[in-house]
Amino acid sequence: MRCPLPLSGLFDSRSDSVSLRNSRDGGTAWADRERVKLAQPTAAAVTESTTPWAIQLSAVSAVEPSHLVQSLTGAILGCGGWVLSRGANDTGAISLLFEFERQICIEIYTVLIAAGLELSRAGHIQFTELCHCTRNHHADCGNEIASVDLEIQTFPVEGMRAMQPKTA
């Protein structure tokens, strides 16, 4: 993810003028596609421009799923974020979709760690990049919204102990 969105590739540098069809001209319709490149962003550019900080995170936790969902929801709302959806399944997997203003990204990051989540390496990198970019470009990002799709795999404490290797 890049902080400032570049405009390169949106304009065709080969065309320096555009011919306009006069409404008094008769004849068949024509297009000036030979001289003008239409600025139609790719699907990736559309996603990037509408929500430049759409982050997918994965984490693990030893906290009981219903308690984790409740505490995370309350903490995100308490910081000023919005929980869009939340859920858990029988295997202990939790999904949480939430948004927040970029200016509170450090508080949100802190809440996730304080709740007992162990984020993946990529998750830490993405959130750190968001926080650094927000701090360095605070005036530029204003009230931009960041979106997080969080997938958490929970393990009961007893299950975590059973998975650890036994020492002699």
N, C-alpha and C. Protein backbone atom coordinates (compact mmCIF):
# COMPACT_ATOMS: atom_id res chain seq x y z
N MET A 1 0.83 -1.17 0.00
CA MET A 1 0.00 0.00 0.00
C MET A 1 0.88 1.23 0.00
N ARG A 2 0.49 2.17 -0.84
CA ARG A 2 1.22 3.42 -0.91
C ARG A 2 0.40 4.49 -0.25
N CYS A 3 1.06 5.44 0.31
CA CYS A 3 0.35 6.52 0.99
C CYS A 3 -0.23 7.51 -0.01
N PRO A 4 0.58 8.26 -0.71
CA PRO A 4 0.00 9.16 -1.70
C PRO A 4 -0.34 8.35 -2.95
N LEU A 5 -1.53 8.56 -3.50
CA LEU A 5 -1.95 7.82 -4.68
C LEU A 5 -1.42 8.51 -5.94
N PRO A 6 -0.60 7.84 -6.72
CA PRO A 6 -0.04 8.46 -7.93
C PRO A 6 -1.09 8.54 -9.03
N LEU A 7 -0.94 9.52 -9.89
CA LEU A 7 -1.85 9.68 -11.01
C LEU A 7 -1.24 9.16 -12.30
N SER A 8 -0.06 8.55 -12.21
CA SER A 8 0.59 8.07 -13.42
C SER A 8 -0.24 6.97 -14.05
N GLY A 9 -0.28 6.96 -15.35
CA GLY A 9 -1.02 5.94 -16.06
C GLY A 9 -2.45 6.33 -16.36
N LEU A 10 -2.94 7.43 -15.81
CA LEU A 10 -4.32 7.83 -16.06
C LEU A 10 -4.44 8.69 -17.31
N PHE A 11 -3.36 9.32 -17.73
CA PHE A 11 -3.40 10.22 -18.86
C PHE A 11 -2.44 9.76 -19.94
N ASP A 12 -2.81 9.98 -21.16
CA ASP A 12 -1.96 9.62 -22.29
C ASP A 12 -1.12 10.84 -22.65
N SER A 13 0.17 10.73 -22.44
CA SER A 13 1.06 11.87 -22.70
C SER A 13 1.25 12.12 -24.19
N ARG A 14 0.83 11.19 -25.05
CA ARG A 14 1.01 11.36 -26.49
C ARG A 14 0.01 12.34 -27.08
N SER A 15 -1.14 12.53 -26.44
CA SER A 15 -2.15 13.43 -27.00
C SER A 15 -2.05 14.79 -26.31
N ASP A 16 -1.94 15.84 -27.15
CA ASP A 16 -1.84 17.17 -26.59
C ASP A 16 -3.07 18.01 -26.88
N SER A 17 -4.00 17.50 -27.66
CA SER A 17 -5.24 18.22 -27.90
C SER A 17 -6.35 17.23 -28.18
N VAL A 18 -7.57 17.71 -28.03
CA VAL A 18 -8.75 16.87 -28.26
C VAL A 18 -9.65 17.60 -29.23
N SER A 19 -10.02 16.93 -30.29
CA SER A 19 -10.94 17.52 -31.25
C SER A 19 -12.36 17.30 -30.77
N LEU A 20 -13.13 18.36 -30.75
CA LEU A 20 -14.52 18.26 -30.35
C LEU A 20 -15.42 18.37 -31.58
N ARG A 21 -16.44 17.59 -31.59
CA ARG A 21 -17.37 17.59 -32.70
C ARG A 21 -18.35 18.74 -32.50
N ASN A 22 -18.49 19.56 -33.47
CA ASN A 22 -19.43 20.68 -33.41
C ASN A 22 -20.83 20.15 -33.64
N SER A 23 -21.79 20.64 -32.90
CA SER A 23 -23.16 20.15 -33.01
C SER A 23 -23.76 20.48 -34.37
N ARG A 24 -23.17 21.44 -35.10
CA ARG A 24 -23.69 21.79 -36.43
C ARG A 24 -23.18 20.84 -37.49
N ASP A 25 -22.16 20.04 -37.16
CA ASP A 25 -21.62 19.10 -38.15
C ASP A 25 -22.62 17.98 -38.37
N GLY A 26 -22.82 17.63 -39.59
CA GLY A 26 -23.69 16.51 -39.91
C GLY A 26 -22.86 15.26 -40.07
N GLY A 27 -23.49 14.22 -40.50
CA GLY A 27 -22.76 13.00 -40.79
C GLY A 27 -22.81 11.99 -39.66
N THR A 28 -21.97 11.02 -39.81
CA THR A 28 -21.97 9.93 -38.84
C THR A 28 -21.19 10.30 -37.59
N ALA A 29 -21.52 9.62 -36.53
CA ALA A 29 -20.81 9.85 -35.28
C ALA A 29 -19.40 9.29 -35.40
N TRP A 30 -18.48 9.91 -34.73
CA TRP A 30 -17.11 9.45 -34.77
C TRP A 30 -16.51 9.54 -33.37
N ALA A 31 -15.46 8.83 -33.18
CA ALA A 31 -14.77 8.84 -31.89
C ALA A 31 -13.35 9.32 -32.08
N ASP A 32 -12.83 9.94 -31.08
CA ASP A 32 -11.47 10.44 -31.15
C ASP A 32 -10.52 9.54 -30.36
N ARG A 33 -10.78 8.26 -30.35
CA ARG A 33 -9.99 7.32 -29.56
C ARG A 33 -8.55 7.22 -30.03
N GLU A 34 -8.29 7.58 -31.25
CA GLU A 34 -6.92 7.52 -31.73
C GLU A 34 -6.05 8.56 -31.04
N ARG A 35 -6.66 9.66 -30.61
CA ARG A 35 -5.88 10.74 -30.03
C ARG A 35 -6.03 10.84 -28.52
N VAL A 36 -7.05 10.24 -27.95
CA VAL A 36 -7.30 10.38 -26.51
C VAL A 36 -7.41 9.00 -25.87
N LYS A 37 -6.70 8.83 -24.81
CA LYS A 37 -6.80 7.60 -24.04
C LYS A 37 -7.80 7.84 -22.91
N LEU A 38 -8.85 7.03 -22.87
CA LEU A 38 -9.86 7.20 -21.84
C LEU A 38 -9.28 6.84 -20.49
N ALA A 39 -9.58 7.64 -19.50
CA ALA A 39 -9.07 7.42 -18.14
C ALA A 39 -10.02 6.51 -17.39
N GLN A 40 -9.91 5.21 -17.64
CA GLN A 40 -10.72 4.24 -16.93
C GLN A 40 -9.80 3.46 -16.01
N PRO A 41 -9.92 3.68 -14.70
CA PRO A 41 -9.02 3.00 -13.77
C PRO A 41 -9.28 1.50 -13.75
N THR A 42 -8.24 0.78 -13.42
CA THR A 42 -8.37 -0.67 -13.29
C THR A 42 -9.15 -1.00 -12.01
N ALA A 43 -9.53 -2.25 -11.84
CA ALA A 43 -10.26 -2.65 -10.63
C ALA A 43 -9.42 -2.41 -9.39
N ALA A 44 -8.13 -2.63 -9.47
CA ALA A 44 -7.26 -2.39 -8.32
C ALA A 44 -7.21 -0.91 -7.97
N ALA A 45 -7.18 -0.05 -8.98
CA ALA A 45 -7.14 1.39 -8.72
C ALA A 45 -8.45 1.87 -8.12
N VAL A 46 -9.58 1.30 -8.55
CA VAL A 46 -10.87 1.69 -7.99
C VAL A 46 -10.93 1.31 -6.52
N THR A 47 -10.52 0.10 -6.18
CA THR A 47 -10.51 -0.33 -4.79
C THR A 47 -9.58 0.55 -3.98
N GLU A 48 -8.42 0.86 -4.54
CA GLU A 48 -7.43 1.65 -3.83
C GLU A 48 -7.91 3.07 -3.60
N SER A 49 -8.64 3.65 -4.56
CA SER A 49 -9.07 5.03 -4.40
C SER A 49 -10.30 5.15 -3.52
N THR A 50 -11.19 4.17 -3.52
CA THR A 50 -12.38 4.27 -2.68
C THR A 50 -12.05 3.94 -1.23
N THR A 51 -11.25 2.96 -0.99
CA THR A 51 -10.80 2.63 0.35
C THR A 51 -9.31 2.32 0.26
N PRO A 52 -8.48 3.37 0.35
CA PRO A 52 -7.06 3.13 0.16
C PRO A 52 -6.45 2.25 1.25
N TRP A 53 -7.07 2.17 2.40
CA TRP A 53 -6.54 1.34 3.47
C TRP A 53 -7.55 0.27 3.82
N ALA A 54 -7.69 -0.71 2.95
CA ALA A 54 -8.52 -1.89 3.21
C ALA A 54 -7.55 -3.01 3.57
N ILE A 55 -7.53 -3.36 4.85
CA ILE A 55 -6.53 -4.29 5.37
C ILE A 55 -7.20 -5.62 5.72
N GLN A 56 -6.57 -6.70 5.32
CA GLN A 56 -7.01 -8.03 5.72
C GLN A 56 -6.00 -8.56 6.73
N LEU A 57 -6.49 -8.84 7.93
CA LEU A 57 -5.62 -9.32 9.00
C LEU A 57 -6.00 -10.72 9.41
N SER A 58 -5.01 -11.48 9.84
CA SER A 58 -5.28 -12.77 10.46
C SER A 58 -4.55 -12.79 11.80
N ALA A 59 -5.19 -13.46 12.76
CA ALA A 59 -4.63 -13.49 14.11
C ALA A 59 -5.05 -14.78 14.79
N VAL A 60 -4.40 -15.08 15.90
CA VAL A 60 -4.80 -16.18 16.76
C VAL A 60 -4.96 -15.64 18.17
N SER A 61 -5.77 -16.35 18.96
CA SER A 61 -6.01 -15.92 20.33
C SER A 61 -6.39 -17.12 21.18
N ALA A 62 -6.03 -17.05 22.47
CA ALA A 62 -6.40 -18.09 23.42
C ALA A 62 -7.63 -17.69 24.23
N VAL A 63 -8.22 -16.54 23.90
CA VAL A 63 -9.40 -16.05 24.61
C VAL A 63 -10.65 -16.76 24.07
N GLU A 64 -11.59 -17.03 24.96
CA GLU A 64 -12.85 -17.68 24.59
C GLU A 64 -13.57 -16.83 23.53
N PRO A 65 -14.06 -17.44 22.43
CA PRO A 65 -14.58 -16.68 21.29
C PRO A 65 -15.68 -15.66 21.62
N SER A 66 -16.69 -16.05 22.39
CA SER A 66 -17.77 -15.10 22.64
C SER A 66 -17.29 -13.90 23.46
N HIS A 67 -16.39 -14.16 24.40
CA HIS A 67 -15.83 -13.06 25.20
C HIS A 67 -14.96 -12.16 24.33
N LEU A 68 -14.18 -12.75 23.42
CA LEU A 68 -13.30 -11.99 22.54
C LEU A 68 -14.11 -11.09 21.62
N VAL A 69 -15.17 -11.62 21.02
CA VAL A 69 -16.01 -10.82 20.13
C VAL A 69 -16.62 -9.65 20.88
N GLN A 70 -17.12 -9.92 22.08
CA GLN A 70 -17.75 -8.88 22.88
C GLN A 70 -16.74 -7.80 23.29
N SER A 71 -15.59 -8.20 23.76
CA SER A 71 -14.61 -7.22 24.22
C SER A 71 -14.01 -6.43 23.06
N LEU A 72 -13.73 -7.09 21.93
CA LEU A 72 -13.20 -6.37 20.77
C LEU A 72 -14.21 -5.38 20.21
N THR A 73 -15.47 -5.80 20.13
CA THR A 73 -16.52 -4.90 19.64
C THR A 73 -16.63 -3.66 20.51
N GLY A 74 -16.67 -3.86 21.82
CA GLY A 74 -16.75 -2.73 22.75
C GLY A 74 -15.56 -1.81 22.66
N ALA A 75 -14.37 -2.39 22.54
CA ALA A 75 -13.15 -1.59 22.47
C ALA A 75 -13.08 -0.79 21.17
N ILE A 76 -13.46 -1.38 20.06
CA ILE A 76 -13.44 -0.68 18.77
C ILE A 76 -14.45 0.47 18.79
N LEU A 77 -15.64 0.19 19.30
CA LEU A 77 -16.66 1.24 19.40
C LEU A 77 -16.21 2.34 20.36
N GLY A 78 -15.55 1.95 21.45
CA GLY A 78 -15.06 2.91 22.43
C GLY A 78 -14.01 3.85 21.87
N CYS A 79 -13.24 3.38 20.90
CA CYS A 79 -12.20 4.22 20.27
C CYS A 79 -12.80 5.15 19.22
N GLY A 80 -14.01 4.85 18.78
CA GLY A 80 -14.63 5.67 17.73
C GLY A 80 -14.77 4.95 16.41
N GLY A 81 -14.52 3.65 16.38
CA GLY A 81 -14.67 2.87 15.15
C GLY A 81 -16.09 2.38 14.98
N TRP A 82 -16.36 1.73 13.84
CA TRP A 82 -17.67 1.18 13.53
C TRP A 82 -17.51 -0.29 13.20
N VAL A 83 -18.24 -1.14 13.89
CA VAL A 83 -18.22 -2.57 13.60
C VAL A 83 -19.32 -2.83 12.59
N LEU A 84 -18.95 -3.30 11.40
CA LEU A 84 -19.90 -3.53 10.33
C LEU A 84 -20.50 -4.92 10.38
N SER A 85 -19.69 -5.90 10.75
CA SER A 85 -20.19 -7.26 10.90
C SER A 85 -19.27 -8.03 11.82
N ARG A 86 -19.84 -9.03 12.47
CA ARG A 86 -19.05 -9.89 13.35
C ARG A 86 -19.71 -11.24 13.40
N GLY A 87 -18.91 -12.26 13.64
CA GLY A 87 -19.46 -13.60 13.71
C GLY A 87 -18.42 -14.60 14.15
N ALA A 88 -18.91 -15.76 14.54
CA ALA A 88 -18.04 -16.87 14.96
C ALA A 88 -18.66 -18.17 14.46
N ASN A 89 -17.84 -19.17 14.24
CA ASN A 89 -18.37 -20.47 13.84
C ASN A 89 -18.01 -21.51 14.89
N ASP A 90 -18.42 -22.74 14.67
CA ASP A 90 -18.23 -23.82 15.64
C ASP A 90 -16.77 -24.21 15.84
N THR A 91 -15.91 -23.90 14.89
CA THR A 91 -14.50 -24.28 15.02
C THR A 91 -13.69 -23.25 15.79
N GLY A 92 -14.33 -22.17 16.23
CA GLY A 92 -13.63 -21.14 16.98
C GLY A 92 -13.09 -20.02 16.13
N ALA A 93 -13.41 -20.01 14.84
CA ALA A 93 -12.96 -18.93 13.96
C ALA A 93 -13.91 -17.74 14.10
N ILE A 94 -13.34 -16.56 14.23
CA ILE A 94 -14.11 -15.32 14.39
C ILE A 94 -13.80 -14.43 13.20
N SER A 95 -14.82 -13.81 12.65
CA SER A 95 -14.61 -12.81 11.60
C SER A 95 -15.21 -11.50 12.08
N LEU A 96 -14.47 -10.43 11.85
CA LEU A 96 -14.87 -9.11 12.30
C LEU A 96 -14.51 -8.12 11.21
N LEU A 97 -15.49 -7.36 10.75
CA LEU A 97 -15.26 -6.33 9.75
C LEU A 97 -15.57 -5.00 10.40
N PHE A 98 -14.59 -4.10 10.42
CA PHE A 98 -14.80 -2.80 11.05
C PHE A 98 -14.04 -1.71 10.31
N GLU A 99 -14.47 -0.47 10.57
CA GLU A 99 -13.85 0.70 9.96
C GLU A 99 -13.57 1.73 11.03
N PHE A 100 -12.66 2.63 10.73
CA PHE A 100 -12.32 3.71 11.65
C PHE A 100 -11.65 4.83 10.87
N GLU A 101 -11.67 6.04 11.45
CA GLU A 101 -10.95 7.14 10.85
C GLU A 101 -9.47 6.91 11.07
N ARG A 102 -8.68 7.20 10.05
CA ARG A 102 -7.25 6.92 10.12
C ARG A 102 -6.57 7.59 11.30
N GLN A 103 -7.08 8.72 11.73
CA GLN A 103 -6.43 9.45 12.82
C GLN A 103 -6.42 8.68 14.13
N ILE A 104 -7.25 7.63 14.27
CA ILE A 104 -7.24 6.83 15.51
C ILE A 104 -6.61 5.45 15.29
N CYS A 105 -5.76 5.32 14.26
CA CYS A 105 -5.19 4.02 13.93
C CYS A 105 -4.32 3.46 15.06
N ILE A 106 -3.59 4.31 15.77
CA ILE A 106 -2.74 3.81 16.85
C ILE A 106 -3.60 3.25 17.98
N GLU A 107 -4.72 3.92 18.28
CA GLU A 107 -5.62 3.42 19.32
C GLU A 107 -6.22 2.06 18.93
N ILE A 108 -6.60 1.92 17.66
CA ILE A 108 -7.17 0.65 17.20
C ILE A 108 -6.12 -0.45 17.26
N TYR A 109 -4.91 -0.17 16.82
CA TYR A 109 -3.81 -1.13 16.87
C TYR A 109 -3.57 -1.57 18.32
N THR A 110 -3.56 -0.62 19.23
CA THR A 110 -3.36 -0.91 20.65
C THR A 110 -4.47 -1.79 21.20
N VAL A 111 -5.71 -1.51 20.80
CA VAL A 111 -6.86 -2.29 21.27
C VAL A 111 -6.74 -3.75 20.82
N LEU A 112 -6.32 -3.96 19.58
CA LEU A 112 -6.20 -5.34 19.07
C LEU A 112 -5.15 -6.13 19.87
N ILE A 113 -4.03 -5.49 20.16
CA ILE A 113 -2.98 -6.17 20.91
C ILE A 113 -3.40 -6.38 22.36
N ALA A 114 -4.02 -5.36 22.95
CA ALA A 114 -4.44 -5.45 24.36
C ALA A 114 -5.53 -6.50 24.55
N ALA A 115 -6.29 -6.80 23.51
CA ALA A 115 -7.35 -7.80 23.60
C ALA A 115 -6.78 -9.22 23.61
N GLY A 116 -5.50 -9.35 23.39
CA GLY A 116 -4.88 -10.67 23.41
C GLY A 116 -4.71 -11.30 22.05
N LEU A 117 -4.80 -10.51 20.99
CA LEU A 117 -4.60 -11.05 19.65
C LEU A 117 -3.13 -11.15 19.32
N GLU A 118 -2.76 -12.23 18.69
CA GLU A 118 -1.42 -12.39 18.15
C GLU A 118 -1.55 -12.26 16.63
N LEU A 119 -1.29 -11.05 16.14
CA LEU A 119 -1.40 -10.80 14.71
C LEU A 119 -0.29 -11.51 13.95
N SER A 120 -0.58 -11.79 12.70
CA SER A 120 0.45 -12.38 11.84
C SER A 120 1.52 -11.32 11.56
N ARG A 121 2.64 -11.76 11.06
CA ARG A 121 3.72 -10.83 10.71
C ARG A 121 3.24 -9.81 9.69
N ALA A 122 2.52 -10.27 8.68
CA ALA A 122 1.99 -9.36 7.66
C ALA A 122 1.01 -8.36 8.27
N GLY A 123 0.23 -8.79 9.24
CA GLY A 123 -0.71 -7.90 9.91
C GLY A 123 0.00 -6.78 10.65
N HIS A 124 1.07 -7.13 11.36
CA HIS A 124 1.85 -6.11 12.06
C HIS A 124 2.46 -5.12 11.06
N ILE A 125 2.96 -5.64 9.97
CA ILE A 125 3.58 -4.77 8.96
C ILE A 125 2.55 -3.82 8.37
N GLN A 126 1.37 -4.33 8.02
CA GLN A 126 0.33 -3.48 7.44
C GLN A 126 -0.12 -2.39 8.40
N PHE A 127 -0.34 -2.77 9.66
CA PHE A 127 -0.80 -1.79 10.63
C PHE A 127 0.29 -0.76 10.95
N THR A 128 1.53 -1.21 11.02
CA THR A 128 2.63 -0.28 11.26
C THR A 128 2.75 0.71 10.11
N GLU A 129 2.60 0.22 8.88
CA GLU A 129 2.66 1.09 7.71
C GLU A 129 1.53 2.11 7.74
N LEU A 130 0.34 1.68 8.11
CA LEU A 130 -0.80 2.60 8.23
C LEU A 130 -0.52 3.68 9.26
N CYS A 131 -0.01 3.29 10.42
CA CYS A 131 0.26 4.26 11.49
C CYS A 131 1.36 5.25 11.09
N HIS A 132 2.44 4.76 10.47
CA HIS A 132 3.52 5.65 10.03
C HIS A 132 3.04 6.61 8.95
N CYS A 133 2.29 6.09 7.99
CA CYS A 133 1.80 6.92 6.90
C CYS A 133 0.84 7.98 7.44
N THR A 134 -0.02 7.61 8.36
CA THR A 134 -0.96 8.56 8.95
C THR A 134 -0.22 9.64 9.71
N ARG A 135 0.79 9.26 10.49
CA ARG A 135 1.56 10.23 11.25
C ARG A 135 2.32 11.19 10.32
N ASN A 136 2.92 10.66 9.27
CA ASN A 136 3.73 11.48 8.37
C ASN A 136 2.91 12.35 7.42
N HIS A 137 1.67 11.96 7.16
CA HIS A 137 0.80 12.70 6.23
C HIS A 137 -0.51 13.06 6.90
N HIS A 138 -0.43 13.48 8.16
CA HIS A 138 -1.63 13.73 8.95
C HIS A 138 -2.57 14.73 8.29
N ALA A 139 -2.04 15.80 7.73
CA ALA A 139 -2.88 16.83 7.10
C ALA A 139 -3.53 16.31 5.82
N ASP A 140 -2.85 15.42 5.10
CA ASP A 140 -3.36 14.91 3.83
C ASP A 140 -4.48 13.89 4.00
N CYS A 141 -4.43 13.10 5.08
CA CYS A 141 -5.40 12.02 5.21
C CYS A 141 -6.69 12.46 5.89
N GLY A 142 -6.70 13.62 6.54
CA GLY A 142 -7.92 14.17 7.11
C GLY A 142 -8.80 13.14 7.78
N ASN A 143 -9.99 12.98 7.25
CA ASN A 143 -10.95 12.03 7.82
C ASN A 143 -11.08 10.77 6.97
N GLU A 144 -10.01 10.34 6.32
CA GLU A 144 -10.07 9.12 5.52
C GLU A 144 -10.43 7.94 6.42
N ILE A 145 -11.08 6.98 5.83
CA ILE A 145 -11.53 5.79 6.55
C ILE A 145 -10.64 4.61 6.21
N ALA A 146 -10.28 3.85 7.23
CA ALA A 146 -9.55 2.59 7.03
C ALA A 146 -10.52 1.46 7.34
N SER A 147 -10.44 0.39 6.60
CA SER A 147 -11.31 -0.76 6.77
C SER A 147 -10.46 -1.99 7.08
N VAL A 148 -10.90 -2.77 8.07
CA VAL A 148 -10.15 -3.96 8.47
C VAL A 148 -11.08 -5.17 8.42
N ASP A 149 -10.64 -6.19 7.72
CA ASP A 149 -11.32 -7.49 7.69
C ASP A 149 -10.44 -8.42 8.51
N LEU A 150 -10.87 -8.71 9.72
CA LEU A 150 -10.06 -9.46 10.68
C LEU A 150 -10.59 -10.89 10.83
N GLU A 151 -9.72 -11.85 10.63
CA GLU A 151 -10.03 -13.27 10.83
C GLU A 151 -9.20 -13.77 12.00
N ILE A 152 -9.85 -14.28 13.03
CA ILE A 152 -9.16 -14.74 14.23
C ILE A 152 -9.46 -16.22 14.44
N GLN A 153 -8.42 -16.99 14.65
CA GLN A 153 -8.60 -18.39 15.04
C GLN A 153 -8.35 -18.47 16.54
N THR A 154 -9.35 -18.93 17.26
CA THR A 154 -9.21 -19.03 18.72
C THR A 154 -8.94 -20.47 19.12
N PHE A 155 -8.18 -20.61 20.17
CA PHE A 155 -7.86 -21.91 20.74
C PHE A 155 -8.09 -21.82 22.23
N PRO A 156 -8.80 -22.76 22.81
CA PRO A 156 -8.94 -22.74 24.27
C PRO A 156 -7.57 -22.94 24.92
N VAL A 157 -7.41 -22.42 26.12
CA VAL A 157 -6.13 -22.51 26.82
C VAL A 157 -5.70 -23.96 26.96
N GLU A 158 -6.65 -24.86 27.25
CA GLU A 158 -6.31 -26.29 27.37
C GLU A 158 -5.76 -26.83 26.06
N GLY A 159 -6.32 -26.41 24.93
CA GLY A 159 -5.86 -26.84 23.62
C GLY A 159 -4.47 -26.32 23.32
N MET A 160 -4.18 -25.09 23.77
CA MET A 160 -2.85 -24.51 23.55
C MET A 160 -1.80 -25.31 24.33
N ARG A 161 -2.15 -25.70 25.55
CA ARG A 161 -1.20 -26.48 26.35
C ARG A 161 -0.95 -27.85 25.72
N ALA A 162 -1.99 -28.45 25.16
CA ALA A 162 -1.84 -29.76 24.53
C ALA A 162 -0.97 -29.68 23.28
N MET A 163 -0.97 -28.54 22.60
CA MET A 163 -0.19 -28.39 21.36
C MET A 163 1.28 -28.12 21.63
N GLN A 164 1.61 -27.64 22.82
CA GLN A 164 3.00 -27.33 23.15
C GLN A 164 3.77 -28.63 23.36
N PRO A 165 5.04 -28.67 22.91
CA PRO A 165 5.84 -29.87 23.10
C PRO A 165 6.15 -30.09 24.59
N LYS A 166 6.12 -31.32 24.97
CA LYS A 166 6.41 -31.66 26.38
C LYS A 166 7.91 -31.69 26.59
N THR A 167 8.34 -31.11 27.68
CA THR A 167 9.76 -31.12 28.01
C THR A 167 10.00 -32.12 29.12
N ALA A 168 11.17 -32.70 29.12
CA ALA A 168 11.49 -33.72 30.12
C ALA A 168 12.13 -33.13 31.34
